[in-house]
Amino acid sequence: MVMTLDELRKRCEVRLAGLTLPRPFDIDAFSRGLAAQRGREIVLEPVANVAGPHGLWLARHNADFVFYQQHTSPAHRDHIILHELCHLLCDHQVKLGQGLPHERLLPDLLPETVQRMLSRATYSDDQEREAELLASLILERSRGLQVAPVEPPNGSEALVQRLAATFGNEDA
């Protein structure tokens, strides 16, 4: 089932309302809080020269590992990590396809982990879209990106009136 953007946003807003974000926002503190809430360690690991997805979440029996592109900006790093953590927050599950000999290739990884590793190159499905949107909303909320109205500097009221009149808004 493909969700509409409105449906997806509503789901993400509900999840966001239930989160406590550290102030000031810090991705490591957020990760530690999420690990404590889940009762399961989360390990953040930088990786150099990543081809394909910039991040990857691997669920092991004893911990969750989030690998992220090391050589990027701090803002992009935070977004990559948050995207992967949002898969945890949304309790995303991946079904393993038939015929994949994962037991022989990667015997110590969960089948869901193998499938996730093999299918994470695009944001085409609802889980990827949800993780991406929720990560963006967390960053927006945590950084206080709501734009406050800007008051014109003293003495500029006449200029504002002239501009408004020029562009057809004579009620300004």
N, C-alpha and C. Protein backbone atom coordinates (compact mmCIF):
# COMPACT_ATOMS: atom_id res chain seq x y z
N MET A 1 0.84 -1.18 0.00
CA MET A 1 0.00 0.00 0.00
C MET A 1 0.89 1.25 0.00
N VAL A 2 0.66 2.14 -0.92
CA VAL A 2 1.41 3.39 -0.98
C VAL A 2 0.60 4.47 -0.29
N MET A 3 1.21 5.09 0.72
CA MET A 3 0.52 6.14 1.47
C MET A 3 0.68 7.48 0.75
N THR A 4 -0.32 8.33 0.90
CA THR A 4 -0.21 9.67 0.37
C THR A 4 0.73 10.46 1.28
N LEU A 5 1.21 11.58 0.79
CA LEU A 5 2.08 12.43 1.59
C LEU A 5 1.36 12.93 2.84
N ASP A 6 0.07 13.24 2.72
CA ASP A 6 -0.71 13.68 3.89
C ASP A 6 -0.79 12.59 4.95
N GLU A 7 -1.05 11.36 4.53
CA GLU A 7 -1.12 10.24 5.47
C GLU A 7 0.23 10.02 6.15
N LEU A 8 1.26 10.09 5.36
CA LEU A 8 2.62 9.90 5.88
C LEU A 8 2.98 10.99 6.88
N ARG A 9 2.66 12.22 6.53
CA ARG A 9 2.97 13.34 7.43
C ARG A 9 2.21 13.21 8.76
N LYS A 10 0.93 12.81 8.70
CA LYS A 10 0.16 12.63 9.93
C LYS A 10 0.80 11.56 10.82
N ARG A 11 1.20 10.45 10.23
CA ARG A 11 1.86 9.39 11.01
C ARG A 11 3.14 9.92 11.65
N CYS A 12 3.91 10.67 10.88
CA CYS A 12 5.18 11.20 11.40
C CYS A 12 4.94 12.24 12.50
N GLU A 13 3.92 13.07 12.34
CA GLU A 13 3.61 14.08 13.36
C GLU A 13 3.20 13.41 14.68
N VAL A 14 2.46 12.31 14.60
CA VAL A 14 2.09 11.58 15.81
C VAL A 14 3.33 11.02 16.48
N ARG A 15 4.23 10.44 15.72
CA ARG A 15 5.47 9.91 16.29
C ARG A 15 6.31 11.04 16.89
N LEU A 16 6.39 12.15 16.19
CA LEU A 16 7.19 13.28 16.65
C LEU A 16 6.65 13.84 17.96
N ALA A 17 5.34 13.87 18.10
CA ALA A 17 4.72 14.40 19.33
C ALA A 17 5.11 13.56 20.55
N GLY A 18 5.41 12.29 20.35
CA GLY A 18 5.78 11.42 21.45
C GLY A 18 7.27 11.40 21.78
N LEU A 19 8.05 12.17 21.06
CA LEU A 19 9.50 12.17 21.28
C LEU A 19 9.94 13.30 22.20
N THR A 20 10.96 13.01 22.99
CA THR A 20 11.63 14.04 23.77
C THR A 20 12.96 14.30 23.09
N LEU A 21 13.15 15.51 22.59
CA LEU A 21 14.38 15.85 21.88
C LEU A 21 15.33 16.58 22.83
N PRO A 22 16.59 16.20 22.84
CA PRO A 22 17.54 16.90 23.71
C PRO A 22 17.72 18.35 23.27
N ARG A 23 17.86 19.24 24.23
CA ARG A 23 18.09 20.66 23.96
C ARG A 23 19.39 21.08 24.61
N PRO A 24 20.34 21.60 23.90
CA PRO A 24 20.33 21.72 22.44
C PRO A 24 20.40 20.32 21.81
N PHE A 25 19.92 20.24 20.58
CA PHE A 25 19.87 18.94 19.93
C PHE A 25 21.28 18.42 19.68
N ASP A 26 21.47 17.16 19.99
CA ASP A 26 22.74 16.48 19.76
C ASP A 26 22.40 15.05 19.34
N ILE A 27 22.91 14.63 18.19
CA ILE A 27 22.55 13.32 17.64
C ILE A 27 23.00 12.19 18.55
N ASP A 28 24.15 12.36 19.21
CA ASP A 28 24.63 11.32 20.12
C ASP A 28 23.73 11.20 21.34
N ALA A 29 23.31 12.34 21.90
CA ALA A 29 22.40 12.33 23.05
C ALA A 29 21.05 11.74 22.65
N PHE A 30 20.56 12.08 21.47
CA PHE A 30 19.29 11.53 20.98
C PHE A 30 19.40 10.01 20.85
N SER A 31 20.51 9.54 20.30
CA SER A 31 20.74 8.12 20.13
C SER A 31 20.80 7.39 21.47
N ARG A 32 21.49 7.99 22.44
CA ARG A 32 21.57 7.38 23.78
C ARG A 32 20.18 7.31 24.43
N GLY A 33 19.40 8.38 24.28
CA GLY A 33 18.04 8.38 24.83
C GLY A 33 17.17 7.32 24.20
N LEU A 34 17.26 7.17 22.88
CA LEU A 34 16.49 6.15 22.18
C LEU A 34 16.92 4.75 22.62
N ALA A 35 18.23 4.56 22.78
CA ALA A 35 18.74 3.26 23.24
C ALA A 35 18.20 2.93 24.63
N ALA A 36 18.21 3.91 25.52
CA ALA A 36 17.71 3.71 26.88
C ALA A 36 16.22 3.38 26.85
N GLN A 37 15.47 4.09 26.01
CA GLN A 37 14.03 3.86 25.89
C GLN A 37 13.74 2.45 25.38
N ARG A 38 14.54 1.99 24.44
CA ARG A 38 14.33 0.67 23.84
C ARG A 38 14.97 -0.46 24.65
N GLY A 39 15.88 -0.11 25.57
CA GLY A 39 16.58 -1.13 26.34
C GLY A 39 17.54 -1.94 25.49
N ARG A 40 18.13 -1.27 24.50
CA ARG A 40 18.98 -1.95 23.52
C ARG A 40 20.04 -0.98 23.04
N GLU A 41 21.29 -1.38 23.06
CA GLU A 41 22.38 -0.50 22.67
C GLU A 41 22.26 -0.09 21.20
N ILE A 42 22.61 1.17 20.93
CA ILE A 42 22.71 1.68 19.56
C ILE A 42 24.14 2.16 19.38
N VAL A 43 24.81 1.61 18.37
CA VAL A 43 26.19 1.96 18.09
C VAL A 43 26.24 2.75 16.79
N LEU A 44 26.80 3.97 16.84
CA LEU A 44 26.96 4.79 15.64
C LEU A 44 28.38 4.62 15.12
N GLU A 45 28.49 4.20 13.87
CA GLU A 45 29.80 3.90 13.28
C GLU A 45 30.00 4.66 11.98
N PRO A 46 31.03 5.53 11.92
CA PRO A 46 31.34 6.20 10.65
C PRO A 46 32.01 5.22 9.68
N VAL A 47 31.71 5.40 8.39
CA VAL A 47 32.29 4.57 7.35
C VAL A 47 32.79 5.49 6.24
N ALA A 48 34.01 5.25 5.80
CA ALA A 48 34.57 6.04 4.70
C ALA A 48 34.22 5.40 3.36
N ASN A 49 34.08 6.24 2.34
CA ASN A 49 33.89 5.77 0.96
C ASN A 49 32.69 4.85 0.79
N VAL A 50 31.55 5.28 1.27
CA VAL A 50 30.32 4.49 1.12
C VAL A 50 29.79 4.67 -0.30
N ALA A 51 29.51 3.57 -0.96
CA ALA A 51 28.87 3.62 -2.27
C ALA A 51 27.40 3.25 -2.07
N GLY A 52 26.52 3.92 -2.76
CA GLY A 52 25.10 3.63 -2.60
C GLY A 52 24.52 4.45 -1.47
N PRO A 53 23.70 3.82 -0.61
CA PRO A 53 23.09 4.58 0.48
C PRO A 53 24.16 5.18 1.39
N HIS A 54 23.88 6.34 1.94
CA HIS A 54 24.83 7.00 2.82
C HIS A 54 24.80 6.44 4.23
N GLY A 55 23.76 5.68 4.55
CA GLY A 55 23.63 5.11 5.88
C GLY A 55 23.02 3.72 5.81
N LEU A 56 23.17 3.00 6.91
CA LEU A 56 22.65 1.65 6.97
C LEU A 56 22.40 1.27 8.42
N TRP A 57 21.24 0.68 8.67
CA TRP A 57 20.91 0.19 10.01
C TRP A 57 21.00 -1.33 9.98
N LEU A 58 21.80 -1.88 10.88
CA LEU A 58 21.92 -3.32 11.01
C LEU A 58 21.45 -3.73 12.39
N ALA A 59 20.46 -4.60 12.46
CA ALA A 59 19.95 -5.11 13.73
C ALA A 59 20.68 -6.41 14.04
N ARG A 60 21.41 -6.41 15.13
CA ARG A 60 22.05 -7.64 15.60
C ARG A 60 21.26 -8.15 16.80
N HIS A 61 21.60 -9.30 17.29
CA HIS A 61 20.88 -9.88 18.43
C HIS A 61 21.01 -9.02 19.68
N ASN A 62 22.17 -8.38 19.86
CA ASN A 62 22.43 -7.66 21.11
C ASN A 62 22.43 -6.15 20.97
N ALA A 63 22.41 -5.62 19.76
CA ALA A 63 22.50 -4.16 19.58
C ALA A 63 22.08 -3.79 18.17
N ASP A 64 21.82 -2.50 17.99
CA ASP A 64 21.55 -1.95 16.66
C ASP A 64 22.77 -1.13 16.26
N PHE A 65 23.20 -1.29 15.01
CA PHE A 65 24.35 -0.56 14.50
C PHE A 65 23.87 0.37 13.39
N VAL A 66 24.27 1.63 13.48
CA VAL A 66 23.96 2.59 12.43
C VAL A 66 25.29 3.03 11.82
N PHE A 67 25.46 2.69 10.56
CA PHE A 67 26.65 3.08 9.82
C PHE A 67 26.29 4.31 8.98
N TYR A 68 27.18 5.28 8.95
CA TYR A 68 26.91 6.51 8.22
C TYR A 68 28.16 7.00 7.52
N GLN A 69 27.94 7.77 6.46
CA GLN A 69 29.03 8.34 5.67
C GLN A 69 29.86 9.27 6.54
N GLN A 70 31.13 8.99 6.65
CA GLN A 70 32.04 9.76 7.49
C GLN A 70 32.39 11.11 6.87
N HIS A 71 32.62 11.13 5.59
CA HIS A 71 33.09 12.34 4.91
C HIS A 71 31.94 13.15 4.33
N THR A 72 31.25 13.84 5.23
CA THR A 72 30.14 14.71 4.83
C THR A 72 30.02 15.82 5.86
N SER A 73 29.12 16.73 5.63
CA SER A 73 28.95 17.84 6.57
C SER A 73 28.28 17.35 7.86
N PRO A 74 28.45 18.08 8.95
CA PRO A 74 27.77 17.69 10.20
C PRO A 74 26.25 17.61 10.05
N ALA A 75 25.66 18.54 9.30
CA ALA A 75 24.21 18.52 9.11
C ALA A 75 23.78 17.27 8.34
N HIS A 76 24.53 16.91 7.31
CA HIS A 76 24.19 15.71 6.53
C HIS A 76 24.40 14.46 7.37
N ARG A 77 25.46 14.44 8.16
CA ARG A 77 25.72 13.32 9.07
C ARG A 77 24.52 13.11 10.00
N ASP A 78 24.05 14.18 10.63
CA ASP A 78 22.91 14.08 11.53
C ASP A 78 21.68 13.54 10.81
N HIS A 79 21.45 14.01 9.59
CA HIS A 79 20.28 13.57 8.85
C HIS A 79 20.39 12.08 8.50
N ILE A 80 21.56 11.65 8.08
CA ILE A 80 21.76 10.23 7.74
C ILE A 80 21.47 9.37 8.97
N ILE A 81 22.07 9.72 10.10
CA ILE A 81 21.88 8.94 11.31
C ILE A 81 20.42 8.96 11.74
N LEU A 82 19.81 10.14 11.70
CA LEU A 82 18.39 10.23 12.08
C LEU A 82 17.51 9.38 11.18
N HIS A 83 17.79 9.38 9.90
CA HIS A 83 17.01 8.56 8.96
C HIS A 83 17.05 7.10 9.41
N GLU A 84 18.22 6.62 9.73
CA GLU A 84 18.35 5.22 10.15
C GLU A 84 17.67 4.99 11.50
N LEU A 85 17.83 5.93 12.43
CA LEU A 85 17.17 5.80 13.73
C LEU A 85 15.65 5.84 13.60
N CYS A 86 15.16 6.55 12.59
CA CYS A 86 13.72 6.62 12.38
C CYS A 86 13.16 5.27 11.95
N HIS A 87 13.96 4.44 11.30
CA HIS A 87 13.50 3.08 11.01
C HIS A 87 13.23 2.35 12.33
N LEU A 88 14.07 2.59 13.33
CA LEU A 88 13.86 2.00 14.65
C LEU A 88 12.59 2.57 15.29
N LEU A 89 12.47 3.90 15.26
CA LEU A 89 11.31 4.56 15.86
C LEU A 89 10.00 4.10 15.25
N CYS A 90 10.02 3.84 13.96
CA CYS A 90 8.81 3.43 13.25
C CYS A 90 8.61 1.91 13.27
N ASP A 91 9.52 1.21 13.90
CA ASP A 91 9.44 -0.25 14.00
C ASP A 91 9.29 -0.89 12.62
N HIS A 92 10.10 -0.43 11.68
CA HIS A 92 10.04 -0.96 10.33
C HIS A 92 10.60 -2.38 10.29
N GLN A 93 9.92 -3.22 9.58
CA GLN A 93 10.32 -4.62 9.40
C GLN A 93 10.44 -4.88 7.92
N VAL A 94 11.40 -5.73 7.57
CA VAL A 94 11.61 -6.09 6.18
C VAL A 94 11.43 -7.59 6.05
N LYS A 95 10.70 -8.00 5.03
CA LYS A 95 10.49 -9.43 4.79
C LYS A 95 11.56 -9.92 3.82
N LEU A 96 12.14 -11.05 4.17
CA LEU A 96 13.20 -11.64 3.35
C LEU A 96 12.58 -12.38 2.17
N GLY A 97 13.12 -12.11 0.98
CA GLY A 97 12.64 -12.79 -0.22
C GLY A 97 13.04 -14.26 -0.25
N GLN A 98 12.37 -15.03 -1.06
CA GLN A 98 12.65 -16.46 -1.19
C GLN A 98 13.91 -16.67 -2.01
N GLY A 99 14.63 -17.74 -1.69
CA GLY A 99 15.75 -18.15 -2.51
C GLY A 99 17.06 -17.44 -2.22
N LEU A 100 17.13 -16.61 -1.21
CA LEU A 100 18.38 -15.91 -0.89
C LEU A 100 19.17 -16.75 0.11
N PRO A 101 20.35 -17.23 -0.25
CA PRO A 101 21.10 -18.10 0.65
C PRO A 101 21.84 -17.31 1.73
N HIS A 102 21.11 -16.51 2.50
CA HIS A 102 21.74 -15.62 3.48
C HIS A 102 22.39 -16.38 4.62
N GLU A 103 21.89 -17.57 4.94
CA GLU A 103 22.47 -18.33 6.04
C GLU A 103 23.92 -18.69 5.77
N ARG A 104 24.25 -18.97 4.51
CA ARG A 104 25.62 -19.32 4.16
C ARG A 104 26.49 -18.09 3.94
N LEU A 105 25.89 -17.02 3.39
CA LEU A 105 26.67 -15.81 3.10
C LEU A 105 27.00 -15.03 4.36
N LEU A 106 26.00 -14.81 5.21
CA LEU A 106 26.16 -13.99 6.41
C LEU A 106 25.47 -14.70 7.58
N PRO A 107 26.06 -15.77 8.08
CA PRO A 107 25.36 -16.61 9.05
C PRO A 107 25.04 -15.94 10.38
N ASP A 108 25.79 -14.90 10.78
CA ASP A 108 25.53 -14.28 12.08
C ASP A 108 24.59 -13.09 12.02
N LEU A 109 24.07 -12.76 10.83
CA LEU A 109 23.13 -11.65 10.71
C LEU A 109 21.70 -12.16 10.64
N LEU A 110 20.80 -11.35 11.20
CA LEU A 110 19.38 -11.68 11.12
C LEU A 110 18.92 -11.61 9.66
N PRO A 111 17.97 -12.47 9.24
CA PRO A 111 17.48 -12.42 7.86
C PRO A 111 16.96 -11.03 7.48
N GLU A 112 16.30 -10.34 8.42
CA GLU A 112 15.79 -9.00 8.15
C GLU A 112 16.93 -8.04 7.84
N THR A 113 18.05 -8.25 8.50
CA THR A 113 19.22 -7.39 8.29
C THR A 113 19.77 -7.57 6.88
N VAL A 114 19.87 -8.81 6.45
CA VAL A 114 20.38 -9.08 5.11
C VAL A 114 19.50 -8.43 4.07
N GLN A 115 18.17 -8.61 4.21
CA GLN A 115 17.24 -8.02 3.25
C GLN A 115 17.36 -6.51 3.25
N ARG A 116 17.45 -5.91 4.44
CA ARG A 116 17.57 -4.46 4.54
C ARG A 116 18.83 -3.98 3.82
N MET A 117 19.92 -4.72 3.99
CA MET A 117 21.18 -4.35 3.34
C MET A 117 21.05 -4.39 1.83
N LEU A 118 20.29 -5.35 1.33
CA LEU A 118 20.19 -5.56 -0.11
C LEU A 118 19.15 -4.68 -0.79
N SER A 119 18.27 -4.06 -0.01
CA SER A 119 17.16 -3.36 -0.65
C SER A 119 17.09 -1.88 -0.31
N ARG A 120 18.19 -1.26 0.07
CA ARG A 120 18.12 0.10 0.59
C ARG A 120 18.78 1.13 -0.34
N ALA A 121 18.59 1.05 -1.62
CA ALA A 121 19.25 1.98 -2.52
C ALA A 121 18.37 3.16 -2.92
N THR A 122 17.06 3.11 -2.67
CA THR A 122 16.18 4.21 -3.08
C THR A 122 15.18 4.51 -1.97
N TYR A 123 14.47 5.61 -2.12
CA TYR A 123 13.41 5.98 -1.18
C TYR A 123 12.05 5.73 -1.81
N SER A 124 11.88 4.61 -2.45
CA SER A 124 10.65 4.39 -3.21
C SER A 124 9.52 3.79 -2.39
N ASP A 125 9.79 3.15 -1.28
CA ASP A 125 8.69 2.54 -0.55
C ASP A 125 8.28 3.38 0.66
N ASP A 126 7.14 3.03 1.24
CA ASP A 126 6.59 3.81 2.36
C ASP A 126 7.54 3.87 3.56
N GLN A 127 8.24 2.79 3.85
CA GLN A 127 9.14 2.80 4.99
C GLN A 127 10.28 3.80 4.79
N GLU A 128 10.85 3.83 3.61
CA GLU A 128 11.93 4.78 3.34
C GLU A 128 11.41 6.22 3.37
N ARG A 129 10.24 6.43 2.78
CA ARG A 129 9.66 7.77 2.78
C ARG A 129 9.33 8.22 4.21
N GLU A 130 8.80 7.31 5.02
CA GLU A 130 8.45 7.65 6.39
C GLU A 130 9.70 7.98 7.21
N ALA A 131 10.74 7.18 7.07
CA ALA A 131 11.99 7.44 7.80
C ALA A 131 12.60 8.77 7.38
N GLU A 132 12.55 9.06 6.10
CA GLU A 132 13.11 10.32 5.58
C GLU A 132 12.32 11.53 6.08
N LEU A 133 11.01 11.43 6.03
CA LEU A 133 10.18 12.54 6.47
C LEU A 133 10.30 12.76 7.98
N LEU A 134 10.27 11.69 8.75
CA LEU A 134 10.38 11.83 10.20
C LEU A 134 11.74 12.41 10.59
N ALA A 135 12.80 11.99 9.93
CA ALA A 135 14.13 12.57 10.20
C ALA A 135 14.13 14.07 9.92
N SER A 136 13.53 14.47 8.82
CA SER A 136 13.46 15.89 8.48
C SER A 136 12.65 16.67 9.51
N LEU A 137 11.53 16.10 9.95
CA LEU A 137 10.70 16.78 10.95
C LEU A 137 11.40 16.90 12.30
N ILE A 138 12.14 15.87 12.69
CA ILE A 138 12.90 15.93 13.94
C ILE A 138 13.93 17.05 13.86
N LEU A 139 14.67 17.10 12.77
CA LEU A 139 15.68 18.16 12.62
C LEU A 139 15.03 19.54 12.60
N GLU A 140 13.91 19.67 11.90
CA GLU A 140 13.22 20.95 11.84
C GLU A 140 12.77 21.38 13.23
N ARG A 141 12.16 20.48 13.97
CA ARG A 141 11.68 20.79 15.31
C ARG A 141 12.85 21.07 16.25
N SER A 142 13.88 20.25 16.17
CA SER A 142 14.99 20.38 17.12
C SER A 142 15.80 21.65 16.91
N ARG A 143 15.82 22.11 15.73
CA ARG A 143 16.61 23.32 15.44
C ARG A 143 15.77 24.58 15.42
N GLY A 144 14.51 24.46 15.77
CA GLY A 144 13.65 25.62 15.86
C GLY A 144 13.56 26.38 14.55
N LEU A 145 13.29 25.65 13.47
CA LEU A 145 13.26 26.30 12.16
C LEU A 145 11.95 26.99 11.85
N GLN A 146 11.05 27.06 12.82
CA GLN A 146 9.83 27.82 12.57
C GLN A 146 10.24 29.28 12.42
N VAL A 147 9.86 29.87 11.33
CA VAL A 147 10.27 31.24 11.03
C VAL A 147 9.37 32.22 11.77
N ALA A 148 9.99 33.06 12.57
CA ALA A 148 9.25 34.09 13.29
C ALA A 148 9.01 35.28 12.37
N PRO A 149 7.89 35.97 12.52
CA PRO A 149 7.65 37.15 11.69
C PRO A 149 8.73 38.20 11.93
N VAL A 150 9.14 38.81 10.86
CA VAL A 150 10.20 39.82 10.95
C VAL A 150 9.57 41.20 11.00
N GLU A 151 9.93 41.96 12.01
CA GLU A 151 9.45 43.33 12.14
C GLU A 151 10.35 44.24 11.32
N PRO A 152 9.77 45.14 10.53
CA PRO A 152 10.61 46.07 9.78
C PRO A 152 11.33 47.01 10.74
N PRO A 153 12.56 47.40 10.38
CA PRO A 153 13.30 48.32 11.25
C PRO A 153 12.58 49.66 11.38
N ASN A 154 12.85 50.37 12.45
CA ASN A 154 12.23 51.68 12.70
C ASN A 154 12.42 52.60 11.50
N GLY A 155 11.38 53.34 11.17
CA GLY A 155 11.46 54.31 10.08
C GLY A 155 11.22 53.71 8.71
N SER A 156 10.95 52.42 8.62
CA SER A 156 10.79 51.82 7.30
C SER A 156 9.34 51.64 6.90
N GLU A 157 8.42 52.09 7.74
CA GLU A 157 7.00 51.91 7.44
C GLU A 157 6.63 52.55 6.11
N ALA A 158 7.16 53.75 5.83
CA ALA A 158 6.84 54.44 4.57
C ALA A 158 7.33 53.62 3.38
N LEU A 159 8.52 53.03 3.49
CA LEU A 159 9.06 52.21 2.41
C LEU A 159 8.18 50.98 2.19
N VAL A 160 7.76 50.35 3.26
CA VAL A 160 6.89 49.19 3.15
C VAL A 160 5.59 49.57 2.47
N GLN A 161 5.02 50.72 2.82
CA GLN A 161 3.78 51.19 2.20
C GLN A 161 3.96 51.43 0.70
N ARG A 162 5.08 52.04 0.31
CA ARG A 162 5.33 52.30 -1.11
C ARG A 162 5.50 51.00 -1.89
N LEU A 163 6.25 50.05 -1.31
CA LEU A 163 6.43 48.77 -1.98
C LEU A 163 5.11 48.03 -2.14
N ALA A 164 4.30 48.05 -1.08
CA ALA A 164 3.00 47.39 -1.15
C ALA A 164 2.13 48.02 -2.22
N ALA A 165 2.13 49.34 -2.30
CA ALA A 165 1.34 50.03 -3.30
C ALA A 165 1.85 49.71 -4.71
N THR A 166 3.17 49.64 -4.86
CA THR A 166 3.76 49.34 -6.15
C THR A 166 3.37 47.98 -6.65
N PHE A 167 3.31 47.01 -5.74
CA PHE A 167 3.01 45.64 -6.14
C PHE A 167 1.54 45.27 -6.01
N GLY A 168 0.69 46.30 -5.86
CA GLY A 168 -0.74 46.07 -5.93
C GLY A 168 -1.41 45.75 -4.62
N ASN A 169 -0.78 45.90 -3.50
CA ASN A 169 -1.43 45.65 -2.23
C ASN A 169 -1.58 46.98 -1.49
N GLU A 170 -2.59 47.72 -1.81
CA GLU A 170 -2.76 49.05 -1.27
C GLU A 170 -3.31 49.04 0.13
N ASP A 171 -3.71 47.85 0.64
CA ASP A 171 -4.22 47.77 2.00
C ASP A 171 -3.11 47.68 3.04
N ALA A 172 -1.87 47.56 2.61
CA ALA A 172 -0.75 47.37 3.56
C ALA A 172 -0.47 48.64 4.34
